[in-house]
C-alpha atoms as a PDB file:
ATOM      1  CA  UNK A   1     -38.059   6.555   1.023  1.00  0.00           C
ATOM      2  CA  UNK A   2     -34.543   5.096   1.268  1.00  0.00           C
ATOM      3  CA  UNK A   3     -32.471   6.263   4.160  1.00  0.00           C
ATOM      4  CA  UNK A   4     -29.386   8.730   3.371  1.00  0.00           C
ATOM      5  CA  UNK A   5     -26.762   6.521   4.831  1.00  0.00           C
ATOM      6  CA  UNK A   6     -26.965   2.679   4.372  1.00  0.00           C
ATOM      7  CA  UNK A   7     -23.780   0.740   5.530  1.00  0.00           C
ATOM      8  CA  UNK A   8     -25.665  -2.649   3.813  1.00  0.00           C
ATOM      9  CA  UNK A   9     -26.123  -0.777   0.289  1.00  0.00           C
ATOM     10  CA  UNK A  10     -22.205   0.378   0.427  1.00  0.00           C
ATOM     11  CA  UNK A  11     -21.071  -2.844   1.126  1.00  0.00           C
ATOM     12  CA  UNK A  12     -23.089  -4.292  -1.755  1.00  0.00           C
ATOM     13  CA  UNK A  13     -21.477  -1.731  -3.957  1.00  0.00           C
ATOM     14  CA  UNK A  14     -18.338  -2.696  -2.758  1.00  0.00           C
ATOM     15  CA  UNK A  15     -18.945  -6.312  -3.359  1.00  0.00           C
ATOM     16  CA  UNK A  16     -19.754  -5.233  -7.106  1.00  0.00           C
ATOM     17  CA  UNK A  17     -16.877  -3.304  -7.454  1.00  0.00           C
ATOM     18  CA  UNK A  18     -14.809  -6.116  -6.280  1.00  0.00           C
ATOM     19  CA  UNK A  19     -16.198  -8.404  -8.889  1.00  0.00           C
ATOM     20  CA  UNK A  20     -16.005  -6.054 -11.499  1.00  0.00           C
ATOM     21  CA  UNK A  21     -12.138  -5.424 -10.894  1.00  0.00           C
ATOM     22  CA  UNK A  22     -11.592  -8.982 -10.804  1.00  0.00           C
ATOM     23  CA  UNK A  23     -13.147  -9.556 -14.258  1.00  0.00           C
ATOM     24  CA  UNK A  24     -10.517  -7.003 -15.308  1.00  0.00           C
ATOM     25  CA  UNK A  25      -7.811  -9.644 -14.670  1.00  0.00           C
ATOM     26  CA  UNK A  26      -6.168  -6.902 -11.798  1.00  0.00           C
ATOM     27  CA  UNK A  27      -5.208  -9.788  -9.831  1.00  0.00           C
ATOM     28  CA  UNK A  28      -3.057 -11.419 -12.294  1.00  0.00           C
ATOM     29  CA  UNK A  29      -0.091  -9.687 -10.143  1.00  0.00           C
ATOM     30  CA  UNK A  30      -0.375 -12.035  -7.666  1.00  0.00           C
ATOM     31  CA  UNK A  31       1.410 -14.825  -9.631  1.00  0.00           C
ATOM     32  CA  UNK A  32       3.988 -12.356 -11.092  1.00  0.00           C
ATOM     33  CA  UNK A  33       4.534 -11.509  -7.317  1.00  0.00           C
ATOM     34  CA  UNK A  34       4.569 -15.462  -6.229  1.00  0.00           C
ATOM     35  CA  UNK A  35       6.988 -16.188  -8.769  1.00  0.00           C
ATOM     36  CA  UNK A  36       9.656 -13.166  -8.054  1.00  0.00           C
ATOM     37  CA  UNK A  37       9.222 -13.808  -4.216  1.00  0.00           C
ATOM     38  CA  UNK A  38      10.394 -17.433  -4.636  1.00  0.00           C
ATOM     39  CA  UNK A  39      13.065 -16.641  -7.279  1.00  0.00           C
ATOM     40  CA  UNK A  40      14.635 -14.026  -4.513  1.00  0.00           C
ATOM     41  CA  UNK A  41      14.465 -17.059  -1.753  1.00  0.00           C
ATOM     42  CA  UNK A  42      16.787 -19.136  -3.679  1.00  0.00           C
ATOM     43  CA  UNK A  43      18.455 -17.021  -5.942  1.00  0.00           C
ATOM     44  CA  UNK A  44      22.104 -16.006  -4.461  1.00  0.00           C
ATOM     45  CA  UNK A  45      22.675 -19.214  -2.140  1.00  0.00           C
ATOM     46  CA  UNK A  46      26.519 -17.860  -1.799  1.00  0.00           C
ATOM     47  CA  UNK A  47      25.844 -14.728  -0.180  1.00  0.00           C
ATOM     48  CA  UNK A  48      25.528 -14.856   3.922  1.00  0.00           C
ATOM     49  CA  UNK A  49      22.833 -15.401   6.190  1.00  0.00           C
ATOM     50  CA  UNK A  50      22.100 -11.767   6.483  1.00  0.00           C
ATOM     51  CA  UNK A  51      22.407 -10.765   3.240  1.00  0.00           C
ATOM     52  CA  UNK A  52      20.350 -13.693   1.812  1.00  0.00           C
ATOM     53  CA  UNK A  53      17.147 -12.931   4.334  1.00  0.00           C
ATOM     54  CA  UNK A  54      17.600  -9.271   3.527  1.00  0.00           C
ATOM     55  CA  UNK A  55      17.079  -9.717  -0.503  1.00  0.00           C
ATOM     56  CA  UNK A  56      14.416 -12.097  -0.047  1.00  0.00           C
ATOM     57  CA  UNK A  57      12.653  -9.073   2.175  1.00  0.00           C
ATOM     58  CA  UNK A  58      13.762  -5.865   0.210  1.00  0.00           C
ATOM     59  CA  UNK A  59      12.260  -7.612  -3.541  1.00  0.00           C
ATOM     60  CA  UNK A  60       9.235  -8.699  -1.698  1.00  0.00           C
ATOM     61  CA  UNK A  61       8.475  -5.212   0.337  1.00  0.00           C
ATOM     62  CA  UNK A  62       9.417  -3.659  -3.164  1.00  0.00           C
ATOM     63  CA  UNK A  63       6.751  -5.917  -5.197  1.00  0.00           C
ATOM     64  CA  UNK A  64       4.272  -5.358  -2.603  1.00  0.00           C
ATOM     65  CA  UNK A  65       4.651  -1.544  -2.724  1.00  0.00           C
ATOM     66  CA  UNK A  66       4.334  -1.637  -6.627  1.00  0.00           C
ATOM     67  CA  UNK A  67       1.234  -3.810  -6.509  1.00  0.00           C
ATOM     68  CA  UNK A  68      -0.576  -1.637  -4.000  1.00  0.00           C
ATOM     69  CA  UNK A  69       0.126   1.661  -5.672  1.00  0.00           C
ATOM     70  CA  UNK A  70      -0.255   0.439  -9.293  1.00  0.00           C
ATOM     71  CA  UNK A  71      -3.436  -1.035  -8.135  1.00  0.00           C
ATOM     72  CA  UNK A  72      -4.844   1.783  -6.208  1.00  0.00           C
ATOM     73  CA  UNK A  73      -4.337   4.454  -9.089  1.00  0.00           C
ATOM     74  CA  UNK A  74      -5.217   2.110 -12.023  1.00  0.00           C
ATOM     75  CA  UNK A  75      -7.961   0.357 -10.596  1.00  0.00           C
ATOM     76  CA  UNK A  76      -9.955   3.064  -8.963  1.00  0.00           C
ATOM     77  CA  UNK A  77      -8.841   5.490 -12.209  1.00  0.00           C
ATOM     78  CA  UNK A  78     -10.674   2.828 -14.339  1.00  0.00           C
ATOM     79  CA  UNK A  79     -14.007   2.896 -12.118  1.00  0.00           C
ATOM     80  CA  UNK A  80     -15.890   5.977 -12.846  1.00  0.00           C
ATOM     81  CA  UNK A  81     -15.171   6.060 -16.882  1.00  0.00           C
ATOM     82  CA  UNK A  82     -16.036   2.341 -16.991  1.00  0.00           C
ATOM     83  CA  UNK A  83     -19.466   2.997 -14.945  1.00  0.00           C
ATOM     84  CA  UNK A  84     -20.273   5.797 -17.277  1.00  0.00           C
ATOM     85  CA  UNK A  85     -19.482   4.076 -20.348  1.00  0.00           C
ATOM     86  CA  UNK A  86     -21.528   0.845 -19.223  1.00  0.00           C
ATOM     87  CA  UNK A  87     -23.980   3.099 -18.037  1.00  0.00           C
ATOM     88  CA  UNK A  88     -24.198   1.344 -15.002  1.00  0.00           C
ATOM     89  CA  UNK A  89     -23.660   4.772 -12.707  1.00  0.00           C
ATOM     90  CA  UNK A  90     -27.093   5.597 -14.227  1.00  0.00           C
ATOM     91  CA  UNK A  91     -28.359   2.608 -12.974  1.00  0.00           C
ATOM     92  CA  UNK A  92     -27.374   2.660  -9.514  1.00  0.00           C
ATOM     93  CA  UNK A  93     -27.995   6.185  -8.797  1.00  0.00           C
ATOM     94  CA  UNK A  94     -31.565   5.829 -10.244  1.00  0.00           C
ATOM     95  CA  UNK A  95     -32.252   2.706  -7.370  1.00  0.00           C
ATOM     96  CA  UNK A  96     -32.051   5.669  -5.785  1.00  0.00           C
ATOM     97  CA  UNK A  97     -28.688   5.347  -4.456  1.00  0.00           C
ATOM     98  CA  UNK A  98     -26.661   8.762  -2.576  1.00  0.00           C
ATOM     99  CA  UNK A  99     -23.862   9.729  -4.209  1.00  0.00           C
ATOM    100  CA  UNK A 100     -21.669   9.792  -1.188  1.00  0.00           C
ATOM    101  CA  UNK A 101     -22.855   5.798  -0.771  1.00  0.00           C
ATOM    102  CA  UNK A 102     -21.869   5.305  -4.224  1.00  0.00           C
ATOM    103  CA  UNK A 103     -18.408   6.749  -3.983  1.00  0.00           C
ATOM    104  CA  UNK A 104     -17.692   5.153  -0.309  1.00  0.00           C
ATOM    105  CA  UNK A 105     -18.716   1.595  -2.152  1.00  0.00           C
ATOM    106  CA  UNK A 106     -16.233   1.993  -4.583  1.00  0.00           C
ATOM    107  CA  UNK A 107     -13.421   3.512  -1.980  1.00  0.00           C
ATOM    108  CA  UNK A 108     -14.205   0.354   0.109  1.00  0.00           C
ATOM    109  CA  UNK A 109     -14.200  -2.320  -2.862  1.00  0.00           C
ATOM    110  CA  UNK A 110     -10.743  -1.221  -4.128  1.00  0.00           C
ATOM    111  CA  UNK A 111      -9.674  -1.110  -0.242  1.00  0.00           C
ATOM    112  CA  UNK A 112     -11.426  -4.907  -0.070  1.00  0.00           C
ATOM    113  CA  UNK A 113      -9.326  -5.999  -3.151  1.00  0.00           C
ATOM    114  CA  UNK A 114      -6.017  -4.431  -2.243  1.00  0.00           C
ATOM    115  CA  UNK A 115      -6.067  -5.825   1.453  1.00  0.00           C
ATOM    116  CA  UNK A 116      -6.973  -9.016   0.572  1.00  0.00           C
ATOM    117  CA  UNK A 117      -4.165  -9.096  -2.264  1.00  0.00           C
ATOM    118  CA  UNK A 118      -1.538  -8.033   0.401  1.00  0.00           C
ATOM    119  CA  UNK A 119      -2.525 -10.536   2.688  1.00  0.00           C
ATOM    120  CA  UNK A 120      -2.236 -13.375   0.212  1.00  0.00           C
ATOM    121  CA  UNK A 121       1.109 -12.213  -0.870  1.00  0.00           C
ATOM    122  CA  UNK A 122       1.970 -11.588   2.740  1.00  0.00           C
ATOM    123  CA  UNK A 123       1.151 -15.104   3.032  1.00  0.00           C
ATOM    124  CA  UNK A 124       3.112 -16.096   0.104  1.00  0.00           C
ATOM    125  CA  UNK A 125       5.907 -14.031   1.325  1.00  0.00           C
ATOM    126  CA  UNK A 126       5.973 -15.022   4.828  1.00  0.00           C
ATOM    127  CA  UNK A 127       5.828 -19.041   4.021  1.00  0.00           C
ATOM    128  CA  UNK A 128       8.794 -18.524   1.359  1.00  0.00           C
ATOM    129  CA  UNK A 129      11.089 -16.158   3.733  1.00  0.00           C
ATOM    130  CA  UNK A 130      10.321 -18.944   7.109  1.00  0.00           C
ATOM    131  CA  UNK A 131      11.322 -21.846   4.499  1.00  0.00           C
ATOM    132  CA  UNK A 132      14.395 -19.807   3.552  1.00  0.00           C
ATOM    133  CA  UNK A 133      15.292 -18.907   7.306  1.00  0.00           C
ATOM    134  CA  UNK A 134      14.981 -22.689   8.211  1.00  0.00           C
ATOM    135  CA  UNK A 135      17.796 -23.265   5.553  1.00  0.00           C
ATOM    136  CA  UNK A 136      19.807 -20.789   6.296  1.00  0.00           C
ATOM    137  CA  UNK A 137      19.872 -21.634  10.026  1.00  0.00           C
ATOM    138  CA  UNK A 138      20.242 -25.386   9.265  1.00  0.00           C
ATOM    139  CA  UNK A 139      23.244 -24.367   6.585  1.00  0.00           C
ATOM    140  CA  UNK A 140      24.740 -22.046   9.288  1.00  0.00           C
ATOM    141  CA  UNK A 141      24.741 -24.522  12.104  1.00  0.00           C
ATOM    142  CA  UNK A 142      26.155 -27.064  10.257  1.00  0.00           C
ATOM    143  CA  UNK A 143      29.125 -24.753   8.924  1.00  0.00           C
ATOM    144  CA  UNK A 144      29.847 -24.021  12.973  1.00  0.00           C
ATOM    145  CA  UNK A 145      29.784 -28.072  13.276  1.00  0.00           C
ATOM    146  CA  UNK A 146      32.322 -28.729  10.720  1.00  0.00           C
ATOM    147  CA  UNK A 147      34.490 -25.628  12.114  1.00  0.00           C
ATOM    148  CA  UNK A 148      34.182 -27.153  15.662  1.00  0.00           C
ATOM    149  CA  UNK A 149      32.483 -23.926  17.024  1.00  0.00           C
ATOM    150  CA  UNK A 150      28.975 -25.078  17.464  1.00  0.00           C
ATOM    151  CA  UNK A 151      28.889 -24.526  21.048  1.00  0.00           C
ATOM    152  CA  UNK A 152      25.450 -24.021  22.852  1.00  0.00           C
ATOM    153  CA  UNK A 153      26.063 -20.318  22.949  1.00  0.00           C
ATOM    154  CA  UNK A 154      27.122 -19.932  19.611  1.00  0.00           C
ATOM    155  CA  UNK A 155      23.900 -21.770  18.232  1.00  0.00           C
ATOM    156  CA  UNK A 156      21.777 -19.575  20.347  1.00  0.00           C
ATOM    157  CA  UNK A 157      23.284 -16.674  19.136  1.00  0.00           C
ATOM    158  CA  UNK A 158      23.330 -17.659  15.544  1.00  0.00           C
ATOM    159  CA  UNK A 159      19.461 -18.494  16.143  1.00  0.00           C
ATOM    160  CA  UNK A 160      18.896 -15.277  18.128  1.00  0.00           C
ATOM    161  CA  UNK A 161      20.607 -13.217  14.852  1.00  0.00           C
ATOM    162  CA  UNK A 162      18.948 -15.367  12.155  1.00  0.00           C
ATOM    163  CA  UNK A 163      15.246 -14.904  14.054  1.00  0.00           C
ATOM    164  CA  UNK A 164      15.769 -11.366  13.890  1.00  0.00           C
ATOM    165  CA  UNK A 165      16.650 -11.041  10.103  1.00  0.00           C
ATOM    166  CA  UNK A 166      13.603 -13.710   9.376  1.00  0.00           C
ATOM    167  CA  UNK A 167       9.893 -13.878   9.893  1.00  0.00           C
ATOM    168  CA  UNK A 168       8.918 -11.901  12.996  1.00  0.00           C
ATOM    169  CA  UNK A 169       5.432  -9.933  13.720  1.00  0.00           C
ATOM    170  CA  UNK A 170       7.031  -6.814  12.507  1.00  0.00           C
ATOM    171  CA  UNK A 171       7.384  -7.877   8.978  1.00  0.00           C
ATOM    172  CA  UNK A 172       3.328  -8.070   8.776  1.00  0.00           C
ATOM    173  CA  UNK A 173       3.306  -4.574  10.150  1.00  0.00           C
ATOM    174  CA  UNK A 174       5.133  -3.300   7.213  1.00  0.00           C
ATOM    175  CA  UNK A 175       2.898  -4.482   5.396  1.00  0.00           C
ATOM    176  CA  UNK A 176      -0.202  -3.210   6.969  1.00  0.00           C
ATOM    177  CA  UNK A 177       1.831   0.365   6.315  1.00  0.00           C
ATOM    178  CA  UNK A 178       2.009  -0.623   2.501  1.00  0.00           C
ATOM    179  CA  UNK A 179      -1.616  -0.660   2.970  1.00  0.00           C
ATOM    180  CA  UNK A 180      -2.318   2.574   4.707  1.00  0.00           C
ATOM    181  CA  UNK A 181      -0.563   4.222   2.007  1.00  0.00           C
ATOM    182  CA  UNK A 182      -2.229   2.351  -0.657  1.00  0.00           C
ATOM    183  CA  UNK A 183      -5.391   3.442   0.836  1.00  0.00           C
ATOM    184  CA  UNK A 184      -4.379   7.059   1.145  1.00  0.00           C
ATOM    185  CA  UNK A 185      -3.279   6.810  -2.923  1.00  0.00           C
ATOM    186  CA  UNK A 186      -6.983   5.331  -3.580  1.00  0.00           C
ATOM    187  CA  UNK A 187      -8.823   7.977  -2.046  1.00  0.00           C
ATOM    188  CA  UNK A 188      -6.618  10.737  -3.408  1.00  0.00           C
ATOM    189  CA  UNK A 189      -6.957   9.150  -7.105  1.00  0.00           C
ATOM    190  CA  UNK A 190     -10.821   8.595  -6.313  1.00  0.00           C
ATOM    191  CA  UNK A 191     -10.851  12.593  -5.359  1.00  0.00           C
ATOM    192  CA  UNK A 192      -8.999  13.509  -8.844  1.00  0.00           C
ATOM    193  CA  UNK A 193     -11.453  11.442 -10.749  1.00  0.00           C
ATOM    194  CA  UNK A 194     -14.331  13.082  -9.750  1.00  0.00           C
ATOM    195  CA  UNK A 195     -12.879  15.947 -11.445  1.00  0.00           C
ATOM    196  CA  UNK A 196     -10.792  14.567 -14.173  1.00  0.00           C
ATOM    197  CA  UNK A 197     -11.649  14.768 -18.012  1.00  0.00           C
ATOM    198  CA  UNK A 198     -10.039  11.260 -18.852  1.00  0.00           C
ATOM    199  CA  UNK A 199      -8.591   8.156 -16.928  1.00  0.00           C
ATOM    200  CA  UNK A 200      -5.059   8.981 -18.395  1.00  0.00           C
ATOM    201  CA  UNK A 201      -5.293  12.477 -16.997  1.00  0.00           C
ATOM    202  CA  UNK A 202      -6.473  10.991 -13.759  1.00  0.00           C
ATOM    203  CA  UNK A 203      -3.582   8.012 -13.684  1.00  0.00           C
ATOM    204  CA  UNK A 204      -1.026  10.710 -14.223  1.00  0.00           C
ATOM    205  CA  UNK A 205      -1.772  13.198 -11.771  1.00  0.00           C
ATOM    206  CA  UNK A 206      -2.147  10.646  -9.450  1.00  0.00           C
ATOM    207  CA  UNK A 207       1.222   9.038  -9.777  1.00  0.00           C
ATOM    208  CA  UNK A 208       2.726  12.521 -10.271  1.00  0.00           C
ATOM    209  CA  UNK A 209       0.901  13.575  -6.808  1.00  0.00           C
ATOM    210  CA  UNK A 210       1.987  10.451  -5.260  1.00  0.00           C
ATOM    211  CA  UNK A 211       5.446  11.112  -6.306  1.00  0.00           C
ATOM    212  CA  UNK A 212       5.418  14.469  -4.843  1.00  0.00           C
ATOM    213  CA  UNK A 213       3.987  12.947  -1.646  1.00  0.00           C
ATOM    214  CA  UNK A 214       6.931  11.037  -0.968  1.00  0.00           C
ATOM    215  CA  UNK A 215       9.179  13.861  -1.099  1.00  0.00           C
ATOM    216  CA  UNK A 216       6.751  16.177   0.670  1.00  0.00           C
ATOM    217  CA  UNK A 217       9.290  16.362   3.858  1.00  0.00           C
ATOM    218  CA  UNK A 218      11.897  17.807   1.799  1.00  0.00           C
ATOM    219  CA  UNK A 219       9.400  20.289   0.801  1.00  0.00           C
ATOM    220  CA  UNK A 220       8.050  21.151   4.175  1.00  0.00           C
ATOM    221  CA  UNK A 221      11.803  21.349   5.312  1.00  0.00           C
ATOM    222  CA  UNK A 222      12.106  24.004   2.372  1.00  0.00           C
ATOM    223  CA  UNK A 223       8.627  25.824   3.728  1.00  0.00           C
ATOM    224  CA  UNK A 224       9.833  26.086   7.424  1.00  0.00           C
ATOM    225  CA  UNK A 225      13.557  26.493   6.863  1.00  0.00           C
ATOM    226  CA  UNK A 226      14.361  27.646   3.870  1.00  0.00           C
ATOM    227  CA  UNK A 227      15.525  30.894   2.654  1.00  0.00           C
ATOM    228  CA  UNK A 228      13.360  31.861  -0.530  1.00  0.00           C
ATOM    229  CA  UNK A 229      10.962  34.755  -1.293  1.00  0.00           C
ATOM    230  CA  UNK A 230       7.598  34.672  -0.250  1.00  0.00           C
ATOM    231  CA  UNK A 231       5.983  33.391  -3.344  1.00  0.00           C
ATOM    232  CA  UNK A 232       8.380  30.569  -3.256  1.00  0.00           C
ATOM    233  CA  UNK A 233       7.400  29.749   0.491  1.00  0.00           C
ATOM    234  CA  UNK A 234       3.828  30.109  -0.280  1.00  0.00           C
ATOM    235  CA  UNK A 235       3.868  27.724  -3.295  1.00  0.00           C
ATOM    236  CA  UNK A 236       5.780  25.161  -1.090  1.00  0.00           C
ATOM    237  CA  UNK A 237       3.084  25.378   1.542  1.00  0.00           C
ATOM    238  CA  UNK A 238       0.555  24.758  -0.937  1.00  0.00           C
ATOM    239  CA  UNK A 239       1.915  21.852  -1.951  1.00  0.00           C
ATOM    240  CA  UNK A 240       2.590  20.506   1.159  1.00  0.00           C
ATOM    241  CA  UNK A 241      -0.980  20.838   2.115  1.00  0.00           C
ATOM    242  CA  UNK A 242      -2.571  19.451  -1.200  1.00  0.00           C
ATOM    243  CA  UNK A 243      -0.284  16.356  -1.517  1.00  0.00           C
ATOM    244  CA  UNK A 244      -0.269  13.666   1.357  1.00  0.00           C
ATOM    245  CA  UNK A 245       2.901  12.832   3.261  1.00  0.00           C
ATOM    246  CA  UNK A 246       3.734   9.220   2.189  1.00  0.00           C
ATOM    247  CA  UNK A 247       6.674   9.654   4.187  1.00  0.00           C
ATOM    248  CA  UNK A 248       4.698   8.937   7.379  1.00  0.00           C
ATOM    249  CA  UNK A 249       4.542   5.163   6.124  1.00  0.00           C
ATOM    250  CA  UNK A 250       7.806   4.883   5.088  1.00  0.00           C
ATOM    251  CA  UNK A 251       8.840   2.159   7.856  1.00  0.00           C
ATOM    252  CA  UNK A 252       9.817  -0.575   5.048  1.00  0.00           C
ATOM    253  CA  UNK A 253      13.365  -0.414   5.586  1.00  0.00           C
ATOM    254  CA  UNK A 254      13.506  -0.297   9.190  1.00  0.00           C
ATOM    255  CA  UNK A 255      11.462  -3.577   9.108  1.00  0.00           C
ATOM    256  CA  UNK A 256      14.049  -5.146   6.722  1.00  0.00           C
ATOM    257  CA  UNK A 257      16.869  -4.196   8.891  1.00  0.00           C
ATOM    258  CA  UNK A 258      15.020  -5.914  11.893  1.00  0.00           C
ATOM    259  CA  UNK A 259      14.195  -3.184  13.753  1.00  0.00           C
ATOM    260  CA  UNK A 260      10.987  -3.132  15.840  1.00  0.00           C
ATOM    261  CA  UNK A 261       7.792  -0.596  14.942  1.00  0.00           C
ATOM    262  CA  UNK A 262       6.404   0.478  18.035  1.00  0.00           C
ATOM    263  CA  UNK A 263       2.706   0.856  18.600  1.00  0.00           C
ATOM    264  CA  UNK A 264       2.870   4.618  18.377  1.00  0.00           C
ATOM    265  CA  UNK A 265       4.257   4.583  15.462  1.00  0.00           C
ATOM    266  CA  UNK A 266       2.000   2.141  13.908  1.00  0.00           C
ATOM    267  CA  UNK A 267      -1.237   4.222  15.433  1.00  0.00           C
ATOM    268  CA  UNK A 268       0.451   7.273  14.210  1.00  0.00           C
ATOM    269  CA  UNK A 269       0.385   5.979  10.911  1.00  0.00           C
ATOM    270  CA  UNK A 270      -3.489   4.658  11.220  1.00  0.00           C
ATOM    271  CA  UNK A 271      -4.513   8.011  12.250  1.00  0.00           C
ATOM    272  CA  UNK A 272      -2.817   9.483   9.331  1.00  0.00           C
ATOM    273  CA  UNK A 273      -4.310   7.072   7.020  1.00  0.00           C
ATOM    274  CA  UNK A 274      -7.477   7.899   8.540  1.00  0.00           C
ATOM    275  CA  UNK A 275      -7.530  11.357   8.544  1.00  0.00           C
ATOM    276  CA  UNK A 276      -6.278  11.820   4.538  1.00  0.00           C
ATOM    277  CA  UNK A 277      -9.171   8.966   3.698  1.00  0.00           C
ATOM    278  CA  UNK A 278     -11.772  11.315   5.269  1.00  0.00           C
ATOM    279  CA  UNK A 279     -10.260  14.515   3.978  1.00  0.00           C
ATOM    280  CA  UNK A 280     -10.098  13.134   0.436  1.00  0.00           C
ATOM    281  CA  UNK A 281     -13.913  11.340   0.574  1.00  0.00           C
ATOM    282  CA  UNK A 282     -15.667  14.898   1.679  1.00  0.00           C
ATOM    283  CA  UNK A 283     -13.795  16.681  -1.228  1.00  0.00           C
ATOM    284  CA  UNK A 284     -14.572  13.782  -3.559  1.00  0.00           C
ATOM    285  CA  UNK A 285     -18.596  14.076  -2.332  1.00  0.00           C
ATOM    286  CA  UNK A 286     -18.259  17.846  -2.768  1.00  0.00           C
ATOM    287  CA  UNK A 287     -16.699  17.697  -6.411  1.00  0.00           C
ATOM    288  CA  UNK A 288     -18.919  14.427  -7.143  1.00  0.00           C
ATOM    289  CA  UNK A 289     -22.344  16.373  -6.160  1.00  0.00           C
ATOM    290  CA  UNK A 290     -21.500  18.966  -8.883  1.00  0.00           C
ATOM    291  CA  UNK A 291     -20.337  16.794 -11.772  1.00  0.00           C
ATOM    292  CA  UNK A 292     -22.523  16.763 -14.698  1.00  0.00           C
ATOM    293  CA  UNK A 293     -23.214  12.914 -15.577  1.00  0.00           C
END
């Protein structure tokens, strides 16, 4: 007789999922990311210090977001169809393993892989940014010396300015926000795959819902303050309920501009992500239980 909930079984399924995705060459994007970051870090040397560092952060965060969302959708959408095709799913559920553990293991596996990928890319990004920051500071101090204005006050002001635009703990919070967003998209895609008829349908609908989620603030504003009829307001309200509010995790622009992320804002993002994960996981289980295999 097996227990209805076993963290060890879920972790085993998660590690098996990580191995399965690695065999699909999912992490090849890491190499592409490193090339992009290095190119952005040492391109356009004629720009002023602020523009150089902002360009590097902008390109790097853009690549991080692209990696996490594409991974969340495509990797998750492939899991159930691949397990059905290989008949791995029947073997797992015959162990016996409860269906909710199977779903949690798959979800955790994708999140572990996305998290590991983001950590590796964050390290590469931080290393290049620190090197670029050091070079920019040295060049700027040299320019002050040539102009004869390299006073201790001017150098200290320059160091503070470059330090604010360079490598800070704030950047890691921005990466964490990207992970929260990717986690929500992963859970959303897993839910859709539980009732979707094909992998392509899952991918298309997941990307569409994610795109709508980035504009949910406008939808909510339209619902609350718009002057449309009752039917349109009802549709807007329904759309705002079933699509995740991706705007809750959009702090990247603030991070790039050197603005600090408060613990309150970070806590709100974490709570929002956890709420979405729980909600989508529950719905996924209800759908998967009724799914004919």
